[in-house]
Amino acid sequence: MKLTLIYEGPLKGNSAGTDEKGAIRHALSPQLSNFWQGTEFLRDWKNPEYWLPTDYEGLSLSQALANEHLKYGVRFVPLAFKKLNLKCRLKITLLAAQNQFTLMTSGDLDNRVKTLVDGLHIPASEQEMSDFLKSQYKEAPLYCLMADDDQITEFSVRQEVLWSATQEDFHKGIVKAIIEAEVYPALVTIDGTVFL
């Protein structure tokens, strides 16, 4: 299963904190929610019998996953979830102002990509949760690409110049990240075949 996500905003390296990663999660959640709603088998899948608790019977897959991934007061819905041993391949294109790339060292680029990847999965600890996300997603679930970054099996990053970038974009560190993701089962089961 393939999808493309787009993040446009500031992308910090070492100085990125919970607010920056939370902003990435917040920006991508509506795109992932739309993907769930627009993908028939995800939207209509009911009763994921043997691999979720029986008290989830009658719930949609996204509702069951949200209940299963209640963390820090927020219900997360990962597209690549571990119950079916789903993995993720990522191809990221980072577009930024021409002079912004000259300021990035390879270590800085690595740290910015790590910030972006951290924004694609459920936070590993409550310290990684921003107060904004806790207040914004008290009721509605937060959709994310994967449960954990250990589900990434392949990864590539490419840099390109964003020719529409302004001086203000440059000073604010604004980038446009195009994230091409492929979610697939590492072990194929009957339920996992729908992800092929």
Protein backbone atom coordinates (compact mmCIF):
# COMPACT_ATOMS: atom_id res chain seq x y z
CA MET A 1 0.00 0.00 0.00
CA LYS A 2 1.49 3.32 -1.07
CA LEU A 3 0.67 6.90 -0.12
CA THR A 4 2.26 10.34 -0.29
CA LEU A 5 2.22 12.82 2.58
CA ILE A 6 3.32 16.46 2.44
CA TYR A 7 4.65 18.51 5.33
CA GLU A 8 5.33 22.20 4.85
CA GLY A 9 6.71 24.16 7.76
CA PRO A 10 9.78 24.67 9.92
CA LEU A 11 12.06 21.69 10.30
CA LYS A 12 14.68 22.00 13.02
CA GLY A 13 17.57 19.71 13.78
CA ASN A 14 19.11 19.39 17.25
CA SER A 15 16.98 22.18 18.70
CA ALA A 16 13.68 20.49 17.76
CA GLY A 17 11.50 19.79 20.74
CA THR A 18 8.09 18.35 21.43
CA ASP A 19 6.31 21.35 19.88
CA GLU A 20 8.06 20.98 16.52
CA LYS A 21 7.44 17.22 16.35
CA GLY A 22 3.87 17.82 17.51
CA ALA A 23 3.37 20.32 14.69
CA ILE A 24 4.47 17.67 12.17
CA ARG A 25 2.06 15.11 13.68
CA HIS A 26 -0.73 17.70 13.64
CA ALA A 27 -0.06 18.63 9.99
CA LEU A 28 -0.02 15.02 8.79
CA SER A 29 -2.97 13.68 10.81
CA PRO A 30 -5.71 15.10 8.51
CA GLN A 31 -3.94 13.70 5.43
CA LEU A 32 -3.78 10.25 7.02
CA SER A 33 -7.39 10.50 8.20
CA ASN A 34 -8.43 11.29 4.61
CA PHE A 35 -6.41 8.30 3.41
CA TRP A 36 -8.24 6.02 5.86
CA GLN A 37 -11.61 7.41 4.77
CA GLY A 38 -10.73 7.17 1.08
CA THR A 39 -9.42 3.60 1.24
CA GLU A 40 -12.38 1.24 1.23
CA PHE A 41 -10.93 -1.72 3.09
CA LEU A 42 -9.49 0.50 5.86
CA ARG A 43 -12.73 2.43 6.21
CA ASP A 44 -15.03 -0.63 6.16
CA TRP A 45 -12.90 -3.24 7.99
CA LYS A 46 -14.83 -4.45 11.05
CA ASN A 47 -14.15 -7.08 13.70
CA PRO A 48 -10.40 -7.62 13.38
CA GLU A 49 -11.10 -10.80 15.34
CA TYR A 50 -8.11 -12.72 16.60
CA TRP A 51 -5.52 -9.98 16.86
CA LEU A 52 -7.48 -7.39 18.84
CA PRO A 53 -9.34 -7.81 22.14
CA THR A 54 -12.90 -9.15 21.84
CA ASP A 55 -14.34 -6.05 23.54
CA TYR A 56 -13.51 -4.15 20.32
CA GLU A 57 -16.04 -6.23 18.38
CA GLY A 58 -18.23 -4.08 16.15
CA LEU A 59 -15.74 -1.21 16.03
CA SER A 60 -14.12 -0.08 12.82
CA LEU A 61 -10.42 -0.85 12.46
CA SER A 62 -9.47 2.79 13.11
CA GLN A 63 -11.62 2.91 16.27
CA ALA A 64 -10.13 -0.37 17.52
CA LEU A 65 -6.57 0.84 16.83
CA ALA A 66 -7.30 4.16 18.54
CA ASN A 67 -8.43 2.26 21.66
CA GLU A 68 -5.41 -0.05 21.44
CA HIS A 69 -2.98 2.92 21.14
CA LEU A 70 -4.28 5.20 23.90
CA LYS A 71 -1.15 6.93 25.17
CA TYR A 72 -0.67 10.06 27.27
CA GLY A 73 -4.38 10.92 26.96
CA VAL A 74 -4.38 10.77 23.15
CA ARG A 75 -5.79 7.97 20.94
CA PHE A 76 -3.36 7.27 18.07
CA VAL A 77 -4.26 5.48 14.85
CA PRO A 78 -1.09 4.21 13.14
CA LEU A 79 -1.43 3.05 9.55
CA ALA A 80 1.51 0.66 9.94
CA PHE A 81 0.56 -1.17 13.12
CA LYS A 82 2.45 -3.99 14.73
CA LYS A 83 -0.36 -6.52 15.25
CA LEU A 84 -0.08 -7.47 11.56
CA ASN A 85 3.71 -7.03 11.52
CA LEU A 86 3.43 -4.09 9.11
CA LYS A 87 6.62 -2.36 8.01
CA CYS A 88 7.32 0.88 6.17
CA ARG A 89 9.58 2.01 3.35
CA LEU A 90 10.20 5.76 3.14
CA LYS A 91 11.39 7.97 0.32
CA ILE A 92 11.68 11.60 1.44
CA THR A 93 12.30 14.61 -0.77
CA LEU A 94 13.23 17.77 1.16
CA LEU A 95 12.69 21.01 -0.70
CA ALA A 96 14.10 24.22 0.78
CA ALA A 97 15.37 27.64 -0.27
CA GLN A 98 18.54 27.45 -2.35
CA ASN A 99 20.71 29.21 0.24
CA GLN A 100 19.24 27.10 3.07
CA PHE A 101 20.99 23.98 1.78
CA THR A 102 24.37 25.71 1.87
CA LEU A 103 23.85 26.25 5.62
CA MET A 104 23.05 22.60 6.29
CA THR A 105 25.91 20.35 7.23
CA SER A 106 25.40 16.62 6.79
CA GLY A 107 24.89 16.28 10.55
CA ASP A 108 22.30 19.05 10.54
CA LEU A 109 20.47 17.38 7.66
CA ASP A 110 20.51 14.06 9.54
CA ASN A 111 19.02 15.76 12.61
CA ARG A 112 16.30 17.47 10.56
CA VAL A 113 15.36 14.17 8.94
CA LYS A 114 15.28 12.55 12.40
CA THR A 115 12.87 15.28 13.55
CA LEU A 116 10.65 14.58 10.54
CA VAL A 117 10.71 10.80 11.15
CA ASP A 118 9.92 11.35 14.85
CA GLY A 119 6.81 13.23 13.71
CA LEU A 120 5.65 10.19 11.70
CA HIS A 121 5.18 7.80 14.63
CA ILE A 122 3.57 7.61 18.07
CA PRO A 123 5.72 9.38 20.69
CA ALA A 124 7.86 6.93 22.64
CA SER A 125 7.35 8.74 25.95
CA GLU A 126 5.11 11.36 27.49
CA GLN A 127 8.03 13.82 27.42
CA GLU A 128 7.75 13.70 23.60
CA MET A 129 4.09 14.78 23.71
CA SER A 130 3.35 18.47 23.26
CA ASP A 131 0.67 20.14 25.39
CA PHE A 132 -0.89 21.34 22.15
CA LEU A 133 -1.49 17.77 20.95
CA LYS A 134 -2.88 16.74 24.34
CA SER A 135 -5.41 19.58 24.22
CA GLN A 136 -6.19 19.28 20.49
CA TYR A 137 -6.81 15.52 20.45
CA LYS A 138 -8.77 14.91 23.65
CA GLU A 139 -11.70 13.48 21.68
CA ALA A 140 -10.64 12.97 18.05
CA PRO A 141 -7.92 10.41 17.30
CA LEU A 142 -4.52 11.47 15.96
CA TYR A 143 -3.60 9.56 12.80
CA CYS A 144 0.07 8.77 12.26
CA LEU A 145 2.03 6.77 9.71
CA MET A 146 3.46 4.11 12.03
CA ALA A 147 3.50 2.97 15.62
CA ASP A 148 7.30 3.13 15.99
CA ASP A 149 10.31 4.08 13.89
CA ASP A 150 11.67 0.53 14.22
CA GLN A 151 9.12 -0.39 11.53
CA ILE A 152 11.17 1.44 8.88
CA THR A 153 13.02 -1.07 6.70
CA GLU A 154 14.17 1.16 3.84
CA PHE A 155 14.87 4.84 3.81
CA SER A 156 16.16 7.42 1.35
CA VAL A 157 16.42 11.20 1.41
CA ARG A 158 16.89 13.58 -1.49
CA GLN A 159 17.36 17.35 -1.36
CA GLU A 160 16.00 19.75 -3.96
CA VAL A 161 15.67 23.50 -4.23
CA LEU A 162 12.23 24.96 -3.54
CA TRP A 163 12.22 27.73 -6.11
CA SER A 164 9.05 29.30 -4.72
CA ALA A 165 10.70 29.85 -1.31
CA THR A 166 10.88 33.44 -0.08
CA GLN A 167 13.48 35.16 2.10
CA GLU A 168 11.03 34.85 4.98
CA ASP A 169 10.82 31.07 4.37
CA PHE A 170 14.60 30.94 4.48
CA HIS A 171 14.80 32.82 7.80
CA LYS A 172 12.06 30.68 9.36
CA GLY A 173 13.66 27.45 8.14
CA ILE A 174 10.56 26.47 6.16
CA VAL A 175 10.87 23.30 4.11
CA LYS A 176 8.49 21.24 2.04
CA ALA A 177 8.86 17.52 2.68
CA ILE A 178 7.32 15.05 0.28
CA ILE A 179 7.09 11.70 2.06
CA GLU A 180 6.42 8.70 -0.13
CA ALA A 181 5.54 5.75 2.07
CA GLU A 182 4.92 2.10 1.35
CA VAL A 183 3.28 0.06 4.10
CA TYR A 184 3.57 -3.71 3.70
CA PRO A 185 3.40 -6.88 5.83
CA ALA A 186 6.77 -8.40 6.76
CA LEU A 187 4.99 -11.72 7.31
CA VAL A 188 2.03 -12.28 5.04
CA THR A 189 -1.11 -13.43 6.85
CA ILE A 190 -4.64 -13.59 5.49
CA ASP A 191 -5.46 -10.21 7.06
CA GLY A 192 -2.12 -8.74 5.99
CA THR A 193 -2.67 -9.47 2.29
CA VAL A 194 -4.87 -6.38 1.97
CA PHE A 195 -1.72 -4.29 2.50
CA LEU A 196 0.07 -5.83 -0.50
